[in-house]
């Protein structure tokens, strides 16, 4: 049976390095899912800023091809809950299973913890998780969950701050900490380089981690989402077959 297509759905960015990061992540995922004889097709789509859109990619696939859409989002807000379902509906493709977004997840907290140690995290440092931000309360709750998961990894409370939408802003949190005489390191809760990550470098923090990027932990997380989606599709197909009338049955 043909492996379902993996559709990796990202936000989109005008920054070439950010686009390249998503392409490299897709390549890493394809490599992790492939063996010498076969592997699924891995396609990339963007819900904003640039194309192709999910609808564009889905229209380009055979109508009967099963698809696992993995949202490469670190929190589930409007893009995950509204834009992606709308794109799927507009495509007319009827065999798409959407997995949970990749974040928050303890695997991402482990990646950020590793990155913080690489920046020289000290025992007394205040840690701030910096997210893009959202006006969707569901996404903000996801970011808080991500901070709590990171806190478990680094063994201290982790504050939440935002680069664009939402309060408090990263610059304000860092300034307040400095006024109190505290050293601050920022964990970048961003998937790829771009304008938001560039802004973090100007906050005055003692250290800023790199975006999550194409870390093996991120690749493995996308692979896990895909494989769980495959299990759902095949289980549904098996149930459908079991309910069909057999030969000689009404």
Protein backbone atom coordinates (compact mmCIF):
# COMPACT_ATOMS: atom_id res chain seq x y z
CA UNK A 1 0.00 0.00 0.00
CA UNK A 2 1.31 3.46 -0.93
CA UNK A 3 2.61 5.59 1.91
CA UNK A 4 0.49 8.69 2.55
CA UNK A 5 1.97 11.96 1.39
CA UNK A 6 3.41 14.09 4.20
CA UNK A 7 2.38 17.72 3.78
CA UNK A 8 4.52 19.91 6.03
CA UNK A 9 2.59 23.13 6.58
CA UNK A 10 4.50 26.18 7.81
CA UNK A 11 3.69 29.84 8.32
CA UNK A 12 5.86 31.38 5.64
CA UNK A 13 8.50 34.10 5.73
CA UNK A 14 10.15 36.54 3.35
CA UNK A 15 13.52 35.68 4.87
CA UNK A 16 15.40 33.31 2.50
CA UNK A 17 17.13 31.62 5.44
CA UNK A 18 13.75 30.87 6.99
CA UNK A 19 12.43 29.36 3.76
CA UNK A 20 15.62 27.31 3.44
CA UNK A 21 15.20 26.04 7.01
CA UNK A 22 11.75 24.67 6.23
CA UNK A 23 13.07 23.05 3.05
CA UNK A 24 15.94 21.44 4.98
CA UNK A 25 13.53 20.22 7.65
CA UNK A 26 11.36 18.61 4.97
CA UNK A 27 14.46 16.95 3.49
CA UNK A 28 15.53 15.69 6.92
CA UNK A 29 12.08 14.27 7.57
CA UNK A 30 12.02 12.59 4.16
CA UNK A 31 15.40 11.03 4.89
CA UNK A 32 14.28 9.78 8.29
CA UNK A 33 11.17 8.17 6.79
CA UNK A 34 12.88 6.57 3.80
CA UNK A 35 14.68 3.28 3.40
CA UNK A 36 16.48 1.89 0.34
CA UNK A 37 13.21 0.63 -1.17
CA UNK A 38 10.60 3.29 -0.46
CA UNK A 39 9.50 6.35 1.48
CA UNK A 40 6.66 8.84 1.46
CA UNK A 41 6.57 11.93 -0.69
CA UNK A 42 7.18 15.00 1.49
CA UNK A 43 5.71 18.29 0.27
CA UNK A 44 5.86 21.79 1.79
CA UNK A 45 3.13 24.43 1.90
CA UNK A 46 2.74 27.83 3.55
CA UNK A 47 -0.40 29.41 4.99
CA UNK A 48 0.84 32.99 4.76
CA UNK A 49 3.34 35.34 3.08
CA UNK A 50 4.35 33.05 0.20
CA UNK A 51 3.29 29.94 -1.68
CA UNK A 52 2.54 27.29 -2.49
CA UNK A 53 -0.50 27.20 -0.24
CA UNK A 54 -1.86 23.93 1.16
CA UNK A 55 -4.69 24.12 -1.36
CA UNK A 56 -2.17 24.53 -4.20
CA UNK A 57 -0.25 21.43 -3.16
CA UNK A 58 -3.36 19.33 -2.52
CA UNK A 59 -4.81 20.17 -5.94
CA UNK A 60 -1.56 18.95 -7.48
CA UNK A 61 -1.91 15.51 -5.87
CA UNK A 62 -4.01 12.58 -7.13
CA UNK A 63 -7.55 12.90 -5.77
CA UNK A 64 -7.37 9.51 -4.06
CA UNK A 65 -3.91 10.02 -2.50
CA UNK A 66 -4.02 9.89 1.31
CA UNK A 67 -2.31 12.91 2.88
CA UNK A 68 -1.01 13.54 6.38
CA UNK A 69 -0.80 17.29 7.02
CA UNK A 70 1.63 18.15 9.81
CA UNK A 71 1.36 21.77 10.99
CA UNK A 72 4.91 22.99 11.65
CA UNK A 73 3.59 25.48 14.19
CA UNK A 74 4.77 25.85 17.77
CA UNK A 75 1.31 26.87 18.99
CA UNK A 76 -2.14 26.35 17.52
CA UNK A 77 -3.93 29.59 16.76
CA UNK A 78 -5.90 30.91 13.82
CA UNK A 79 -3.61 29.48 11.15
CA UNK A 80 -3.98 25.95 12.50
CA UNK A 81 -7.63 26.10 13.56
CA UNK A 82 -9.03 28.17 10.66
CA UNK A 83 -6.65 28.78 7.75
CA UNK A 84 -5.49 25.20 7.27
CA UNK A 85 -8.98 23.61 7.40
CA UNK A 86 -10.21 26.28 4.97
CA UNK A 87 -7.37 25.54 2.57
CA UNK A 88 -8.14 21.82 2.70
CA UNK A 89 -11.83 22.44 2.01
CA UNK A 90 -11.04 24.77 -0.89
CA UNK A 91 -8.70 22.18 -2.42
CA UNK A 92 -11.52 19.64 -2.73
CA UNK A 93 -9.15 16.87 -1.57
CA UNK A 94 -11.13 14.43 0.54
CA UNK A 95 -8.38 12.27 2.04
CA UNK A 96 -6.45 14.59 4.35
CA UNK A 97 -5.72 13.88 8.00
CA UNK A 98 -4.36 16.82 10.02
CA UNK A 99 -2.13 15.96 12.96
CA UNK A 100 -1.65 18.11 16.05
CA UNK A 101 0.85 20.93 15.56
CA UNK A 102 4.43 20.11 16.49
CA UNK A 103 4.35 22.42 19.48
CA UNK A 104 4.14 22.52 22.35
CA UNK A 105 5.88 19.23 23.04
CA UNK A 106 8.43 18.03 25.60
CA UNK A 107 10.77 17.19 22.72
CA UNK A 108 10.97 20.88 21.82
CA UNK A 109 11.66 21.74 25.45
CA UNK A 110 14.62 19.37 25.34
CA UNK A 111 15.94 21.10 22.22
CA UNK A 112 15.61 24.53 23.84
CA UNK A 113 17.27 23.26 27.00
CA UNK A 114 20.22 22.04 24.95
CA UNK A 115 20.43 25.37 23.16
CA UNK A 116 20.33 27.26 26.47
CA UNK A 117 23.23 25.21 27.81
CA UNK A 118 25.13 26.02 24.60
CA UNK A 119 24.65 29.76 25.29
CA UNK A 120 26.27 29.39 28.72
CA UNK A 121 23.19 29.24 30.96
CA UNK A 122 24.13 29.95 34.58
CA UNK A 123 22.36 28.71 37.73
CA UNK A 124 21.11 32.19 38.67
CA UNK A 125 20.00 33.25 35.20
CA UNK A 126 16.41 34.22 34.50
CA UNK A 127 15.07 32.36 31.50
CA UNK A 128 12.56 33.92 29.13
CA UNK A 129 10.78 31.91 26.45
CA UNK A 130 10.29 34.26 23.49
CA UNK A 131 7.41 33.46 21.11
CA UNK A 132 6.09 35.33 18.11
CA UNK A 133 2.75 35.93 19.81
CA UNK A 134 -0.89 35.62 18.82
CA UNK A 135 -4.29 37.15 19.42
CA UNK A 136 -5.72 33.62 19.82
CA UNK A 137 -6.02 32.58 23.46
CA UNK A 138 -5.52 28.93 22.47
CA UNK A 139 -2.12 29.75 21.03
CA UNK A 140 -1.16 31.78 24.10
CA UNK A 141 -2.09 28.83 26.31
CA UNK A 142 0.16 26.61 24.17
CA UNK A 143 3.06 29.02 24.67
CA UNK A 144 2.54 28.91 28.44
CA UNK A 145 2.60 25.12 28.25
CA UNK A 146 5.85 25.28 26.29
CA UNK A 147 7.38 27.52 28.99
CA UNK A 148 6.31 25.11 31.71
CA UNK A 149 7.83 22.20 29.79
CA UNK A 150 11.08 24.13 29.40
CA UNK A 151 11.02 24.97 33.09
CA UNK A 152 11.00 21.26 33.88
CA UNK A 153 14.08 20.79 31.69
CA UNK A 154 16.12 23.70 33.09
CA UNK A 155 14.93 23.35 36.67
CA UNK A 156 13.58 26.85 37.21
CA UNK A 157 10.53 28.98 36.36
CA UNK A 158 10.47 30.22 32.76
CA UNK A 159 8.84 33.52 31.92
CA UNK A 160 6.86 34.04 28.72
CA UNK A 161 7.31 37.08 26.48
CA UNK A 162 6.39 37.94 22.92
CA UNK A 163 8.18 39.47 19.96
CA UNK A 164 5.17 40.80 18.05
CA UNK A 165 1.61 40.17 19.23
CA UNK A 166 0.85 39.88 22.93
CA UNK A 167 2.12 41.12 26.26
CA UNK A 168 4.60 41.32 27.84
CA UNK A 169 7.14 42.10 25.13
CA UNK A 170 10.58 40.52 25.30
CA UNK A 171 12.33 43.89 25.42
CA UNK A 172 10.25 44.96 28.43
CA UNK A 173 10.87 41.73 30.36
CA UNK A 174 14.62 41.93 29.73
CA UNK A 175 14.71 45.60 30.76
CA UNK A 176 12.81 44.87 33.98
CA UNK A 177 15.20 42.03 34.82
CA UNK A 178 18.21 44.23 34.21
CA UNK A 179 16.74 46.90 36.47
CA UNK A 180 16.56 44.27 39.20
CA UNK A 181 20.20 43.33 38.61
CA UNK A 182 19.39 39.98 37.00
CA UNK A 183 21.08 38.32 34.06
CA UNK A 184 18.65 37.10 31.39
CA UNK A 185 18.89 34.48 28.66
CA UNK A 186 16.23 34.10 26.00
CA UNK A 187 15.03 30.77 24.61
CA UNK A 188 13.87 31.41 21.07
CA UNK A 189 10.54 29.62 20.62
CA UNK A 190 10.71 30.17 16.88
CA UNK A 191 11.11 27.53 14.23
CA UNK A 192 13.22 29.38 11.68
CA UNK A 193 15.33 32.52 11.20
CA UNK A 194 13.53 35.69 10.21
CA UNK A 195 12.56 39.16 11.37
CA UNK A 196 11.27 37.99 14.76
CA UNK A 197 14.47 36.15 15.63
CA UNK A 198 16.56 39.10 14.48
CA UNK A 199 14.65 41.31 16.93
CA UNK A 200 15.59 39.03 19.81
CA UNK A 201 19.24 39.86 19.25
CA UNK A 202 18.50 43.51 20.01
CA UNK A 203 16.77 42.92 23.36
CA UNK A 204 19.93 43.23 25.45
CA UNK A 205 19.71 39.67 26.80
CA UNK A 206 22.97 38.02 27.81
CA UNK A 207 22.23 35.19 25.43
CA UNK A 208 19.67 34.22 22.80
CA UNK A 209 19.35 30.67 21.55
CA UNK A 210 19.13 29.80 17.89
CA UNK A 211 15.69 28.97 16.44
CA UNK A 212 14.60 25.36 16.83
CA UNK A 213 15.41 24.76 13.17
CA UNK A 214 16.53 21.44 11.76
CA UNK A 215 17.53 19.88 15.05
CA UNK A 216 17.26 16.06 15.15
CA UNK A 217 14.71 16.42 17.94
CA UNK A 218 12.49 18.54 15.68
CA UNK A 219 12.89 16.11 12.79
CA UNK A 220 11.98 13.17 15.02
CA UNK A 221 8.93 15.04 16.30
CA UNK A 222 7.60 15.64 12.76
CA UNK A 223 8.24 11.99 11.95
CA UNK A 224 6.33 10.92 15.07
CA UNK A 225 3.37 13.14 14.14
CA UNK A 226 3.34 11.65 10.64
CA UNK A 227 3.51 8.04 11.84
CA UNK A 228 0.70 8.62 14.33
CA UNK A 229 -1.37 10.08 11.48
CA UNK A 230 -0.64 7.05 9.31
CA UNK A 231 -1.93 4.80 12.09
CA UNK A 232 -5.16 6.81 12.19
CA UNK A 233 -5.65 6.57 8.42
CA UNK A 234 -4.98 2.84 8.23
CA UNK A 235 -7.21 2.13 11.23
CA UNK A 236 -10.04 4.07 9.59
CA UNK A 237 -9.50 2.19 6.31
CA UNK A 238 -9.61 -1.14 8.14
CA UNK A 239 -12.87 -0.23 9.86
CA UNK A 240 -14.35 0.83 6.53
CA UNK A 241 -13.41 -2.49 4.92
CA UNK A 242 -14.85 -4.49 7.82
CA UNK A 243 -18.23 -2.77 7.39
CA UNK A 244 -18.54 -3.56 3.69
CA UNK A 245 -20.92 -6.40 2.78
CA UNK A 246 -19.05 -9.52 1.75
CA UNK A 247 -19.85 -11.76 -1.25
CA UNK A 248 -23.34 -13.21 -0.96
CA UNK A 249 -24.31 -10.83 1.84
CA UNK A 250 -27.07 -8.27 1.61
